[in-house]
Amino acid sequence: MADKILESVKLLLGIQNEYTAFDQQILMHINSIFVVLNQLGVGPKNIFVASAESTWDSFLTDISLDLELVKSYVYLKVRLLFDPPTSSFAIDAIEKQIQEYEWRLNVFVDPHSEE
């Protein structure tokens, strides 16, 4: 069975899958991040809209891109939007990791990076 996007993000956030009180808020953030990924050239040509049943495989069908990197990126972005750390040092560390992931994703999708 393929990983469901919402379930995997909730797991990383430390939320039990059975607890659904925040599902709509988390999905809203996930879908916002899919817009960012689309603008980076990652994922389907049309903006992907996730539901509670959407899987990572349905979002990213290009096996040449590291799916685990995309999962980590989505989690970190959701974390900052949904449950940001109280420490500014932790926020800065997450933001730096997000920037690195964005750079790496750009390298993956840039057709000129292999020249």
PDB file of N, CA and C in Angstrom:
ATOM      1  N   MET A   1       0.847  -1.189   0.000  1.00  0.00           N
ATOM      2  CA  MET A   1       0.000   0.000   0.000  1.00  0.00           C
ATOM      3  C   MET A   1       0.889   1.248   0.000  1.00  0.00           C
ATOM      4  N   ALA A   2       0.559   2.200  -0.833  1.00  0.00           N
ATOM      5  CA  ALA A   2       1.348   3.426  -0.971  1.00  0.00           C
ATOM      6  C   ALA A   2       1.132   4.339   0.231  1.00  0.00           C
ATOM      7  N   ASP A   3       2.165   5.101   0.546  1.00  0.00           N
ATOM      8  CA  ASP A   3       2.076   6.062   1.646  1.00  0.00           C
ATOM      9  C   ASP A   3       1.085   7.155   1.320  1.00  0.00           C
ATOM     10  N   LYS A   4       0.181   7.416   2.244  1.00  0.00           N
ATOM     11  CA  LYS A   4      -0.735   8.540   2.089  1.00  0.00           C
ATOM     12  C   LYS A   4      -0.024   9.795   2.564  1.00  0.00           C
ATOM     13  N   ILE A   5      -0.195  10.869   1.816  1.00  0.00           N
ATOM     14  CA  ILE A   5       0.490  12.124   2.103  1.00  0.00           C
ATOM     15  C   ILE A   5       0.110  12.647   3.483  1.00  0.00           C
ATOM     16  N   LEU A   6      -1.174  12.760   3.741  1.00  0.00           N
ATOM     17  CA  LEU A   6      -1.631  13.307   5.016  1.00  0.00           C
ATOM     18  C   LEU A   6      -1.150  12.466   6.191  1.00  0.00           C
ATOM     19  N   GLU A   7      -1.252  11.154   6.076  1.00  0.00           N
ATOM     20  CA  GLU A   7      -0.842  10.279   7.175  1.00  0.00           C
ATOM     21  C   GLU A   7       0.645  10.414   7.476  1.00  0.00           C
ATOM     22  N   SER A   8       1.466  10.478   6.447  1.00  0.00           N
ATOM     23  CA  SER A   8       2.907  10.563   6.683  1.00  0.00           C
ATOM     24  C   SER A   8       3.300  11.910   7.286  1.00  0.00           C
ATOM     25  N   VAL A   9       2.653  12.989   6.852  1.00  0.00           N
ATOM     26  CA  VAL A   9       2.953  14.302   7.430  1.00  0.00           C
ATOM     27  C   VAL A   9       2.495  14.352   8.883  1.00  0.00           C
ATOM     28  N   LYS A  10       1.321  13.814   9.162  1.00  0.00           N
ATOM     29  CA  LYS A  10       0.835  13.776  10.547  1.00  0.00           C
ATOM     30  C   LYS A  10       1.782  12.976  11.437  1.00  0.00           C
ATOM     31  N   LEU A  11       2.274  11.858  10.935  1.00  0.00           N
ATOM     32  CA  LEU A  11       3.217  11.041  11.696  1.00  0.00           C
ATOM     33  C   LEU A  11       4.463  11.846  12.059  1.00  0.00           C
ATOM     34  N   LEU A  12       4.998  12.573  11.087  1.00  0.00           N
ATOM     35  CA  LEU A  12       6.187  13.389  11.343  1.00  0.00           C
ATOM     36  C   LEU A  12       5.903  14.534  12.311  1.00  0.00           C
ATOM     37  N   LEU A  13       4.667  15.027  12.291  1.00  0.00           N
ATOM     38  CA  LEU A  13       4.272  16.084  13.228  1.00  0.00           C
ATOM     39  C   LEU A  13       3.987  15.543  14.630  1.00  0.00           C
ATOM     40  N   GLY A  14       3.966  14.217  14.763  1.00  0.00           N
ATOM     41  CA  GLY A  14       3.692  13.600  16.049  1.00  0.00           C
ATOM     42  C   GLY A  14       2.209  13.486  16.357  1.00  0.00           C
ATOM     43  N   ILE A  15       1.385  13.465  15.324  1.00  0.00           N
ATOM     44  CA  ILE A  15      -0.067  13.368  15.492  1.00  0.00           C
ATOM     45  C   ILE A  15      -0.516  11.965  15.099  1.00  0.00           C
ATOM     46  N   GLN A  16      -1.249  11.309  15.981  1.00  0.00           N
ATOM     47  CA  GLN A  16      -1.784   9.983  15.689  1.00  0.00           C
ATOM     48  C   GLN A  16      -2.717  10.060  14.492  1.00  0.00           C
ATOM     49  N   ASN A  17      -2.671   9.040  13.642  1.00  0.00           N
ATOM     50  CA  ASN A  17      -3.511   9.022  12.448  1.00  0.00           C
ATOM     51  C   ASN A  17      -4.999   9.067  12.804  1.00  0.00           C
ATOM     52  N   GLU A  18      -5.367   8.475  13.921  1.00  0.00           N
ATOM     53  CA  GLU A  18      -6.776   8.422  14.319  1.00  0.00           C
ATOM     54  C   GLU A  18      -7.308   9.794  14.741  1.00  0.00           C
ATOM     55  N   TYR A  19      -6.415  10.690  15.124  1.00  0.00           N
ATOM     56  CA  TYR A  19      -6.820  12.024  15.562  1.00  0.00           C
ATOM     57  C   TYR A  19      -6.971  12.911  14.334  1.00  0.00           C
ATOM     58  N   THR A  20      -8.207  13.252  14.000  1.00  0.00           N
ATOM     59  CA  THR A  20      -8.493  13.938  12.735  1.00  0.00           C
ATOM     60  C   THR A  20      -8.885  15.409  12.896  1.00  0.00           C
ATOM     61  N   ALA A  21      -8.795  15.946  14.096  1.00  0.00           N
ATOM     62  CA  ALA A  21      -9.256  17.318  14.346  1.00  0.00           C
ATOM     63  C   ALA A  21      -8.530  18.358  13.487  1.00  0.00           C
ATOM     64  N   PHE A  22      -7.286  18.105  13.151  1.00  0.00           N
ATOM     65  CA  PHE A  22      -6.495  19.079  12.403  1.00  0.00           C
ATOM     66  C   PHE A  22      -6.280  18.697  10.947  1.00  0.00           C
ATOM     67  N   ASP A  23      -6.935  17.655  10.486  1.00  0.00           N
ATOM     68  CA  ASP A  23      -6.699  17.172   9.118  1.00  0.00           C
ATOM     69  C   ASP A  23      -6.918  18.245   8.065  1.00  0.00           C
ATOM     70  N   GLN A  24      -7.991  19.005   8.162  1.00  0.00           N
ATOM     71  CA  GLN A  24      -8.269  20.025   7.146  1.00  0.00           C
ATOM     72  C   GLN A  24      -7.218  21.133   7.154  1.00  0.00           C
ATOM     73  N   GLN A  25      -6.766  21.522   8.333  1.00  0.00           N
ATOM     74  CA  GLN A  25      -5.723  22.556   8.410  1.00  0.00           C
ATOM     75  C   GLN A  25      -4.412  22.051   7.817  1.00  0.00           C
ATOM     76  N   ILE A  26      -4.052  20.819   8.154  1.00  0.00           N
ATOM     77  CA  ILE A  26      -2.813  20.252   7.633  1.00  0.00           C
ATOM     78  C   ILE A  26      -2.900  20.080   6.122  1.00  0.00           C
ATOM     79  N   LEU A  27      -4.029  19.602   5.628  1.00  0.00           N
ATOM     80  CA  LEU A  27      -4.207  19.469   4.177  1.00  0.00           C
ATOM     81  C   LEU A  27      -4.125  20.820   3.469  1.00  0.00           C
ATOM     82  N   MET A  28      -4.674  21.854   4.082  1.00  0.00           N
ATOM     83  CA  MET A  28      -4.591  23.186   3.490  1.00  0.00           C
ATOM     84  C   MET A  28      -3.121  23.601   3.335  1.00  0.00           C
ATOM     85  N   HIS A  29      -2.313  23.351   4.373  1.00  0.00           N
ATOM     86  CA  HIS A  29      -0.892  23.697   4.301  1.00  0.00           C
ATOM     87  C   HIS A  29      -0.167  22.835   3.263  1.00  0.00           C
ATOM     88  N   ILE A  30      -0.475  21.545   3.236  1.00  0.00           N
ATOM     89  CA  ILE A  30       0.139  20.652   2.251  1.00  0.00           C
ATOM     90  C   ILE A  30      -0.154  21.153   0.842  1.00  0.00           C
ATOM     91  N   ASN A  31      -1.404  21.506   0.579  1.00  0.00           N
ATOM     92  CA  ASN A  31      -1.768  21.977  -0.758  1.00  0.00           C
ATOM     93  C   ASN A  31      -1.113  23.305  -1.101  1.00  0.00           C
ATOM     94  N   SER A  32      -0.919  24.165  -0.117  1.00  0.00           N
ATOM     95  CA  SER A  32      -0.179  25.408  -0.352  1.00  0.00           C
ATOM     96  C   SER A  32       1.255  25.103  -0.759  1.00  0.00           C
ATOM     97  N   ILE A  33       1.840  24.122  -0.124  1.00  0.00           N
ATOM     98  CA  ILE A  33       3.225  23.751  -0.425  1.00  0.00           C
ATOM     99  C   ILE A  33       3.312  23.093  -1.798  1.00  0.00           C
ATOM    100  N   PHE A  34       2.271  22.372  -2.206  1.00  0.00           N
ATOM    101  CA  PHE A  34       2.274  21.800  -3.549  1.00  0.00           C
ATOM    102  C   PHE A  34       2.265  22.885  -4.617  1.00  0.00           C
ATOM    103  N   VAL A  35       1.687  24.027  -4.327  1.00  0.00           N
ATOM    104  CA  VAL A  35       1.748  25.163  -5.253  1.00  0.00           C
ATOM    105  C   VAL A  35       3.201  25.628  -5.375  1.00  0.00           C
ATOM    106  N   VAL A  36       3.889  25.740  -4.246  1.00  0.00           N
ATOM    107  CA  VAL A  36       5.305  26.139  -4.260  1.00  0.00           C
ATOM    108  C   VAL A  36       6.122  25.121  -5.051  1.00  0.00           C
ATOM    109  N   LEU A  37       5.898  23.834  -4.789  1.00  0.00           N
ATOM    110  CA  LEU A  37       6.628  22.791  -5.518  1.00  0.00           C
ATOM    111  C   LEU A  37       6.346  22.869  -7.014  1.00  0.00           C
ATOM    112  N   ASN A  38       5.105  23.149  -7.389  1.00  0.00           N
ATOM    113  CA  ASN A  38       4.758  23.300  -8.794  1.00  0.00           C
ATOM    114  C   ASN A  38       5.552  24.435  -9.415  1.00  0.00           C
ATOM    115  N   GLN A  39       5.676  25.545  -8.703  1.00  0.00           N
ATOM    116  CA  GLN A  39       6.438  26.679  -9.217  1.00  0.00           C
ATOM    117  C   GLN A  39       7.926  26.373  -9.304  1.00  0.00           C
ATOM    118  N   LEU A  40       8.391  25.427  -8.470  1.00  0.00           N
ATOM    119  CA  LEU A  40       9.786  24.991  -8.551  1.00  0.00           C
ATOM    120  C   LEU A  40       9.996  23.978  -9.671  1.00  0.00           C
ATOM    121  N   GLY A  41       8.887  23.513 -10.275  1.00  0.00           N
ATOM    122  CA  GLY A  41       8.974  22.534 -11.344  1.00  0.00           C
ATOM    123  C   GLY A  41       8.920  21.096 -10.866  1.00  0.00           C
ATOM    124  N   VAL A  42       8.488  20.896  -9.639  1.00  0.00           N
ATOM    125  CA  VAL A  42       8.424  19.559  -9.050  1.00  0.00           C
ATOM    126  C   VAL A  42       6.975  19.085  -9.050  1.00  0.00           C
ATOM    127  N   GLY A  43       6.767  17.842  -9.464  1.00  0.00           N
ATOM    128  CA  GLY A  43       5.427  17.268  -9.450  1.00  0.00           C
ATOM    129  C   GLY A  43       4.745  17.394 -10.794  1.00  0.00           C
ATOM    130  N   PRO A  44       3.434  17.136 -10.799  1.00  0.00           N
ATOM    131  CA  PRO A  44       2.680  17.189 -12.057  1.00  0.00           C
ATOM    132  C   PRO A  44       2.657  18.594 -12.654  1.00  0.00           C
ATOM    133  N   LYS A  45       2.404  18.656 -13.949  1.00  0.00           N
ATOM    134  CA  LYS A  45       2.339  19.965 -14.624  1.00  0.00           C
ATOM    135  C   LYS A  45       1.219  20.829 -14.070  1.00  0.00           C
ATOM    136  N   ASN A  46       0.065  20.208 -13.800  1.00  0.00           N
ATOM    137  CA  ASN A  46      -1.040  20.926 -13.170  1.00  0.00           C
ATOM    138  C   ASN A  46      -0.859  20.871 -11.658  1.00  0.00           C
ATOM    139  N   ILE A  47      -1.288  21.904 -10.986  1.00  0.00           N
ATOM    140  CA  ILE A  47      -1.133  21.947  -9.534  1.00  0.00           C
ATOM    141  C   ILE A  47      -1.894  20.782  -8.909  1.00  0.00           C
ATOM    142  N   PHE A  48      -1.194  20.046  -8.073  1.00  0.00           N
ATOM    143  CA  PHE A  48      -1.746  18.867  -7.410  1.00  0.00           C
ATOM    144  C   PHE A  48      -2.519  19.307  -6.176  1.00  0.00           C
ATOM    145  N   VAL A  49      -3.722  18.785  -6.009  1.00  0.00           N
ATOM    146  CA  VAL A  49      -4.531  19.072  -4.823  1.00  0.00           C
ATOM    147  C   VAL A  49      -4.726  17.759  -4.081  1.00  0.00           C
ATOM    148  N   ALA A  50      -4.175  17.696  -2.886  1.00  0.00           N
ATOM    149  CA  ALA A  50      -4.234  16.473  -2.091  1.00  0.00           C
ATOM    150  C   ALA A  50      -5.536  16.387  -1.315  1.00  0.00           C
ATOM    151  N   SER A  51      -5.972  15.164  -1.127  1.00  0.00           N
ATOM    152  CA  SER A  51      -7.089  14.860  -0.237  1.00  0.00           C
ATOM    153  C   SER A  51      -6.554  13.922   0.840  1.00  0.00           C
ATOM    154  N   ALA A  52      -7.400  13.515   1.742  1.00  0.00           N
ATOM    155  CA  ALA A  52      -6.981  12.602   2.807  1.00  0.00           C
ATOM    156  C   ALA A  52      -6.504  11.267   2.251  1.00  0.00           C
ATOM    157  N   GLU A  53      -6.936  10.915   1.047  1.00  0.00           N
ATOM    158  CA  GLU A  53      -6.589   9.622   0.452  1.00  0.00           C
ATOM    159  C   GLU A  53      -5.429   9.695  -0.539  1.00  0.00           C
ATOM    160  N   SER A  54      -4.937  10.878  -0.850  1.00  0.00           N
ATOM    161  CA  SER A  54      -3.872  11.030  -1.842  1.00  0.00           C
ATOM    162  C   SER A  54      -2.581  10.380  -1.358  1.00  0.00           C
ATOM    163  N   THR A  55      -1.873   9.778  -2.314  1.00  0.00           N
ATOM    164  CA  THR A  55      -0.601   9.133  -1.992  1.00  0.00           C
ATOM    165  C   THR A  55       0.560   9.911  -2.599  1.00  0.00           C
ATOM    166  N   TRP A  56       1.744   9.665  -2.058  1.00  0.00           N
ATOM    167  CA  TRP A  56       2.941  10.312  -2.591  1.00  0.00           C
ATOM    168  C   TRP A  56       3.184   9.885  -4.034  1.00  0.00           C
ATOM    169  N   ASP A  57       2.898   8.635  -4.343  1.00  0.00           N
ATOM    170  CA  ASP A  57       3.088   8.155  -5.714  1.00  0.00           C
ATOM    171  C   ASP A  57       2.190   8.885  -6.708  1.00  0.00           C
ATOM    172  N   SER A  58       1.007   9.300  -6.255  1.00  0.00           N
ATOM    173  CA  SER A  58       0.111  10.029  -7.162  1.00  0.00           C
ATOM    174  C   SER A  58       0.597  11.459  -7.391  1.00  0.00           C
ATOM    175  N   PHE A  59       1.364  11.995  -6.439  1.00  0.00           N
ATOM    176  CA  PHE A  59       1.914  13.340  -6.609  1.00  0.00           C
ATOM    177  C   PHE A  59       3.161  13.327  -7.478  1.00  0.00           C
ATOM    178  N   LEU A  60       4.054  12.413  -7.185  1.00  0.00           N
ATOM    179  CA  LEU A  60       5.342  12.430  -7.858  1.00  0.00           C
ATOM    180  C   LEU A  60       5.553  11.129  -8.609  1.00  0.00           C
ATOM    181  N   THR A  61       5.334  11.176  -9.905  1.00  0.00           N
ATOM    182  CA  THR A  61       5.485   9.980 -10.726  1.00  0.00           C
ATOM    183  C   THR A  61       6.860   9.897 -11.376  1.00  0.00           C
ATOM    184  N   ASP A  62       7.636  10.970 -11.318  1.00  0.00           N
ATOM    185  CA  ASP A  62       8.980  10.999 -11.900  1.00  0.00           C
ATOM    186  C   ASP A  62       9.948  10.347 -10.925  1.00  0.00           C
ATOM    187  N   ILE A  63      10.379   9.123 -11.240  1.00  0.00           N
ATOM    188  CA  ILE A  63      11.234   8.393 -10.311  1.00  0.00           C
ATOM    189  C   ILE A  63      12.658   8.938 -10.263  1.00  0.00           C
ATOM    190  N   SER A  64      13.004   9.845 -11.165  1.00  0.00           N
ATOM    191  CA  SER A  64      14.351  10.404 -11.138  1.00  0.00           C
ATOM    192  C   SER A  64      14.512  11.430 -10.022  1.00  0.00           C
ATOM    193  N   LEU A  65      13.413  11.864  -9.435  1.00  0.00           N
ATOM    194  CA  LEU A  65      13.467  12.830  -8.344  1.00  0.00           C
ATOM    195  C   LEU A  65      13.379  12.086  -7.028  1.00  0.00           C
ATOM    196  N   ASP A  66      14.164  12.501  -6.068  1.00  0.00           N
ATOM    197  CA  ASP A  66      14.195  11.841  -4.768  1.00  0.00           C
ATOM    198  C   ASP A  66      12.909  12.136  -4.005  1.00  0.00           C
ATOM    199  N   LEU A  67      12.040  11.147  -3.911  1.00  0.00           N
ATOM    200  CA  LEU A  67      10.756  11.308  -3.240  1.00  0.00           C
ATOM    201  C   LEU A  67      10.930  11.613  -1.761  1.00  0.00           C
ATOM    202  N   GLU A  68      11.943  11.025  -1.147  1.00  0.00           N
ATOM    203  CA  GLU A  68      12.154  11.269   0.284  1.00  0.00           C
ATOM    204  C   GLU A  68      12.519  12.728   0.541  1.00  0.00           C
ATOM    205  N   LEU A  69      13.240  13.344  -0.373  1.00  0.00           N
ATOM    206  CA  LEU A  69      13.561  14.765  -0.254  1.00  0.00           C
ATOM    207  C   LEU A  69      12.292  15.602  -0.312  1.00  0.00           C
ATOM    208  N   VAL A  70      11.386  15.254  -1.221  1.00  0.00           N
ATOM    209  CA  VAL A  70      10.119  15.978  -1.342  1.00  0.00           C
ATOM    210  C   VAL A  70       9.300  15.813  -0.064  1.00  0.00           C
ATOM    211  N   LYS A  71       9.255  14.600   0.472  1.00  0.00           N
ATOM    212  CA  LYS A  71       8.516  14.355   1.715  1.00  0.00           C
ATOM    213  C   LYS A  71       9.070  15.199   2.858  1.00  0.00           C
ATOM    214  N   SER A  72      10.379  15.229   2.984  1.00  0.00           N
ATOM    215  CA  SER A  72      11.010  16.022   4.046  1.00  0.00           C
ATOM    216  C   SER A  72      10.718  17.505   3.872  1.00  0.00           C
ATOM    217  N   TYR A  73      10.786  17.964   2.630  1.00  0.00           N
ATOM    218  CA  TYR A  73      10.510  19.367   2.338  1.00  0.00           C
ATOM    219  C   TYR A  73       9.083  19.734   2.745  1.00  0.00           C
ATOM    220  N   VAL A  74       8.126  18.914   2.333  1.00  0.00           N
ATOM    221  CA  VAL A  74       6.721  19.180   2.669  1.00  0.00           C
ATOM    222  C   VAL A  74       6.540  19.187   4.177  1.00  0.00           C
ATOM    223  N   TYR A  75       7.125  18.215   4.862  1.00  0.00           N
ATOM    224  CA  TYR A  75       7.001  18.171   6.322  1.00  0.00           C
ATOM    225  C   TYR A  75       7.546  19.443   6.970  1.00  0.00           C
ATOM    226  N   LEU A  76       8.752  19.850   6.583  1.00  0.00           N
ATOM    227  CA  LEU A  76       9.356  21.031   7.218  1.00  0.00           C
ATOM    228  C   LEU A  76       8.531  22.283   6.980  1.00  0.00           C
ATOM    229  N   LYS A  77       8.020  22.430   5.751  1.00  0.00           N
ATOM    230  CA  LYS A  77       7.188  23.593   5.464  1.00  0.00           C
ATOM    231  C   LYS A  77       5.886  23.555   6.266  1.00  0.00           C
ATOM    232  N   VAL A  78       5.263  22.379   6.355  1.00  0.00           N
ATOM    233  CA  VAL A  78       4.040  22.244   7.157  1.00  0.00           C
ATOM    234  C   VAL A  78       4.350  22.532   8.619  1.00  0.00           C
ATOM    235  N   ARG A  79       5.466  22.032   9.089  1.00  0.00           N
ATOM    236  CA  ARG A  79       5.844  22.254  10.492  1.00  0.00           C
ATOM    237  C   ARG A  79       5.913  23.743  10.805  1.00  0.00           C
ATOM    238  N   LEU A  80       6.532  24.514   9.933  1.00  0.00           N
ATOM    239  CA  LEU A  80       6.634  25.955  10.184  1.00  0.00           C
ATOM    240  C   LEU A  80       5.277  26.648  10.122  1.00  0.00           C
ATOM    241  N   LEU A  81       4.395  26.168   9.274  1.00  0.00           N
ATOM    242  CA  LEU A  81       3.075  26.785   9.150  1.00  0.00           C
ATOM    243  C   LEU A  81       2.114  26.330  10.244  1.00  0.00           C
ATOM    244  N   PHE A  82       2.144  25.053  10.582  1.00  0.00           N
ATOM    245  CA  PHE A  82       1.156  24.466  11.486  1.00  0.00           C
ATOM    246  C   PHE A  82       1.601  24.488  12.952  1.00  0.00           C
ATOM    247  N   ASP A  83       2.858  24.150  13.197  1.00  0.00           N
ATOM    248  CA  ASP A  83       3.345  24.016  14.573  1.00  0.00           C
ATOM    249  C   ASP A  83       4.789  24.499  14.674  1.00  0.00           C
ATOM    250  N   PRO A  84       5.007  25.804  14.530  1.00  0.00           N
ATOM    251  CA  PRO A  84       6.393  26.302  14.537  1.00  0.00           C
ATOM    252  C   PRO A  84       7.035  26.151  15.907  1.00  0.00           C
ATOM    253  N   PRO A  85       8.342  25.913  15.934  1.00  0.00           N
ATOM    254  CA  PRO A  85       9.052  25.847  17.210  1.00  0.00           C
ATOM    255  C   PRO A  85       8.999  27.201  17.913  1.00  0.00           C
ATOM    256  N   THR A  86       9.148  27.192  19.217  1.00  0.00           N
ATOM    257  CA  THR A  86       9.143  28.453  19.969  1.00  0.00           C
ATOM    258  C   THR A  86      10.503  29.135  19.932  1.00  0.00           C
ATOM    259  N   SER A  87      11.537  28.388  19.677  1.00  0.00           N
ATOM    260  CA  SER A  87      12.890  28.936  19.656  1.00  0.00           C
ATOM    261  C   SER A  87      13.213  29.504  18.278  1.00  0.00           C
ATOM    262  N   SER A  88      13.743  30.715  18.260  1.00  0.00           N
ATOM    263  CA  SER A  88      14.129  31.315  16.982  1.00  0.00           C
ATOM    264  C   SER A  88      15.292  30.555  16.349  1.00  0.00           C
ATOM    265  N   PHE A  89      16.116  29.918  17.179  1.00  0.00           N
ATOM    266  CA  PHE A  89      17.230  29.127  16.644  1.00  0.00           C
ATOM    267  C   PHE A  89      16.711  27.912  15.894  1.00  0.00           C
ATOM    268  N   ALA A  90      15.680  27.279  16.435  1.00  0.00           N
ATOM    269  CA  ALA A  90      15.084  26.117  15.770  1.00  0.00           C
ATOM    270  C   ALA A  90      14.398  26.534  14.467  1.00  0.00           C
ATOM    271  N   ILE A  91      13.722  27.663  14.495  1.00  0.00           N
ATOM    272  CA  ILE A  91      13.080  28.171  13.276  1.00  0.00           C
ATOM    273  C   ILE A  91      14.126  28.462  12.216  1.00  0.00           C
ATOM    274  N   ASP A  92      15.212  29.111  12.604  1.00  0.00           N
ATOM    275  CA  ASP A  92      16.289  29.410  11.653  1.00  0.00           C
ATOM    276  C   ASP A  92      16.877  28.131  11.060  1.00  0.00           C
ATOM    277  N   ALA A  93      17.068  27.118  11.887  1.00  0.00           N
ATOM    278  CA  ALA A  93      17.623  25.849  11.408  1.00  0.00           C
ATOM    279  C   ALA A  93      16.685  25.197  10.396  1.00  0.00           C
ATOM    280  N   ILE A  94      15.393  25.207  10.682  1.00  0.00           N
ATOM    281  CA  ILE A  94      14.422  24.630   9.751  1.00  0.00           C
ATOM    282  C   ILE A  94      14.390  25.426   8.456  1.00  0.00           C
ATOM    283  N   GLU A  95      14.407  26.747   8.559  1.00  0.00           N
ATOM    284  CA  GLU A  95      14.395  27.579   7.353  1.00  0.00           C
ATOM    285  C   GLU A  95      15.629  27.340   6.491  1.00  0.00           C
ATOM    286  N   LYS A  96      16.797  27.151   7.109  1.00  0.00           N
ATOM    287  CA  LYS A  96      18.012  26.863   6.346  1.00  0.00           C
ATOM    288  C   LYS A  96      17.910  25.510   5.654  1.00  0.00           C
ATOM    289  N   GLN A  97      17.316  24.528   6.338  1.00  0.00           N
ATOM    290  CA  GLN A  97      17.140  23.217   5.726  1.00  0.00           C
ATOM    291  C   GLN A  97      16.178  23.300   4.553  1.00  0.00           C
ATOM    292  N   ILE A  98      15.124  24.080   4.697  1.00  0.00           N
ATOM    293  CA  ILE A  98      14.166  24.281   3.607  1.00  0.00           C
ATOM    294  C   ILE A  98      14.859  24.918   2.408  1.00  0.00           C
ATOM    295  N   GLN A  99      15.689  25.915   2.655  1.00  0.00           N
ATOM    296  CA  GLN A  99      16.414  26.568   1.564  1.00  0.00           C
ATOM    297  C   GLN A  99      17.330  25.588   0.844  1.00  0.00           C
ATOM    298  N   GLU A 100      17.996  24.728   1.603  1.00  0.00           N
ATOM    299  CA  GLU A 100      18.867  23.734   0.976  1.00  0.00           C
ATOM    300  C   GLU A 100      18.041  22.768   0.130  1.00  0.00           C
ATOM    301  N   TYR A 101      16.915  22.310   0.664  1.00  0.00           N
ATOM    302  CA  TYR A 101      16.052  21.406  -0.102  1.00  0.00           C
ATOM    303  C   TYR A 101      15.545  22.076  -1.371  1.00  0.00           C
ATOM    304  N   GLU A 102      15.178  23.349  -1.301  1.00  0.00           N
ATOM    305  CA  GLU A 102      14.718  24.059  -2.490  1.00  0.00           C
ATOM    306  C   GLU A 102      15.825  24.134  -3.531  1.00  0.00           C
ATOM    307  N   TRP A 103      17.049  24.385  -3.082  1.00  0.00           N
ATOM    308  CA  TRP A 103      18.173  24.430  -4.002  1.00  0.00           C
ATOM    309  C   TRP A 103      18.373  23.070  -4.662  1.00  0.00           C
ATOM    310  N   ARG A 104      18.331  22.009  -3.868  1.00  0.00           N
ATOM    311  CA  ARG A 104      18.525  20.660  -4.405  1.00  0.00           C
ATOM    312  C   ARG A 104      17.397  20.265  -5.364  1.00  0.00           C
ATOM    313  N   LEU A 105      16.173  20.647  -5.034  1.00  0.00           N
ATOM    314  CA  LEU A 105      15.056  20.364  -5.938  1.00  0.00           C
ATOM    315  C   LEU A 105      15.232  21.109  -7.254  1.00  0.00           C
ATOM    316  N   ASN A 106      15.712  22.347  -7.179  1.00  0.00           N
ATOM    317  CA  ASN A 106      15.982  23.106  -8.406  1.00  0.00           C
ATOM    318  C   ASN A 106      17.025  22.416  -9.259  1.00  0.00           C
ATOM    319  N   VAL A 107      18.059  21.866  -8.633  1.00  0.00           N
ATOM    320  CA  VAL A 107      19.093  21.144  -9.373  1.00  0.00           C
ATOM    321  C   VAL A 107      18.496  19.917 -10.056  1.00  0.00           C
ATOM    322  N   PHE A 108      17.612  19.217  -9.345  1.00  0.00           N
ATOM    323  CA  PHE A 108      16.974  18.029  -9.932  1.00  0.00           C
ATOM    324  C   PHE A 108      16.166  18.369 -11.173  1.00  0.00           C
ATOM    325  N   VAL A 109      15.422  19.468 -11.142  1.00  0.00           N
ATOM    326  CA  VAL A 109      14.489  19.749 -12.231  1.00  0.00           C
ATOM    327  C   VAL A 109      15.051  20.688 -13.295  1.00  0.00           C
ATOM    328  N   ASP A 110      16.187  21.303 -13.052  1.00  0.00           N
ATOM    329  CA  ASP A 110      16.760  22.236 -14.024  1.00  0.00           C
ATOM    330  C   ASP A 110      17.412  21.451 -15.165  1.00  0.00           C
ATOM    331  N   PRO A 111      16.889  21.595 -16.375  1.00  0.00           N
ATOM    332  CA  PRO A 111      17.449  20.833 -17.496  1.00  0.00           C
ATOM    333  C   PRO A 111      18.862  21.261 -17.858  1.00  0.00           C
ATOM    334  N   HIS A 112      19.280  22.421 -17.420  1.00  0.00           N
ATOM    335  CA  HIS A 112      20.620  22.929 -17.747  1.00  0.00           C
ATOM    336  C   HIS A 112      21.656  22.517 -16.719  1.00  0.00           C
ATOM    337  N   SER A 113      21.244  21.877 -15.643  1.00  0.00           N
ATOM    338  CA  SER A 113      22.187  21.538 -14.586  1.00  0.00           C
ATOM    339  C   SER A 113      23.151  20.432 -15.006  1.00  0.00           C
ATOM    340  N   GLU A 114      22.841  19.674 -16.061  1.00  0.00           N
ATOM    341  CA  GLU A 114      23.708  18.588 -16.508  1.00  0.00           C
ATOM    342  C   GLU A 114      24.690  19.032 -17.579  1.00  0.00           C
ATOM    343  N   GLU A 115      24.615  20.265 -18.011  1.00  0.00           N
ATOM    344  CA  GLU A 115      25.501  20.746 -19.073  1.00  0.00           C
ATOM    345  C   GLU A 115      26.848  21.111 -18.527  1.00  0.00           C
TER     346      GLU A 115
END
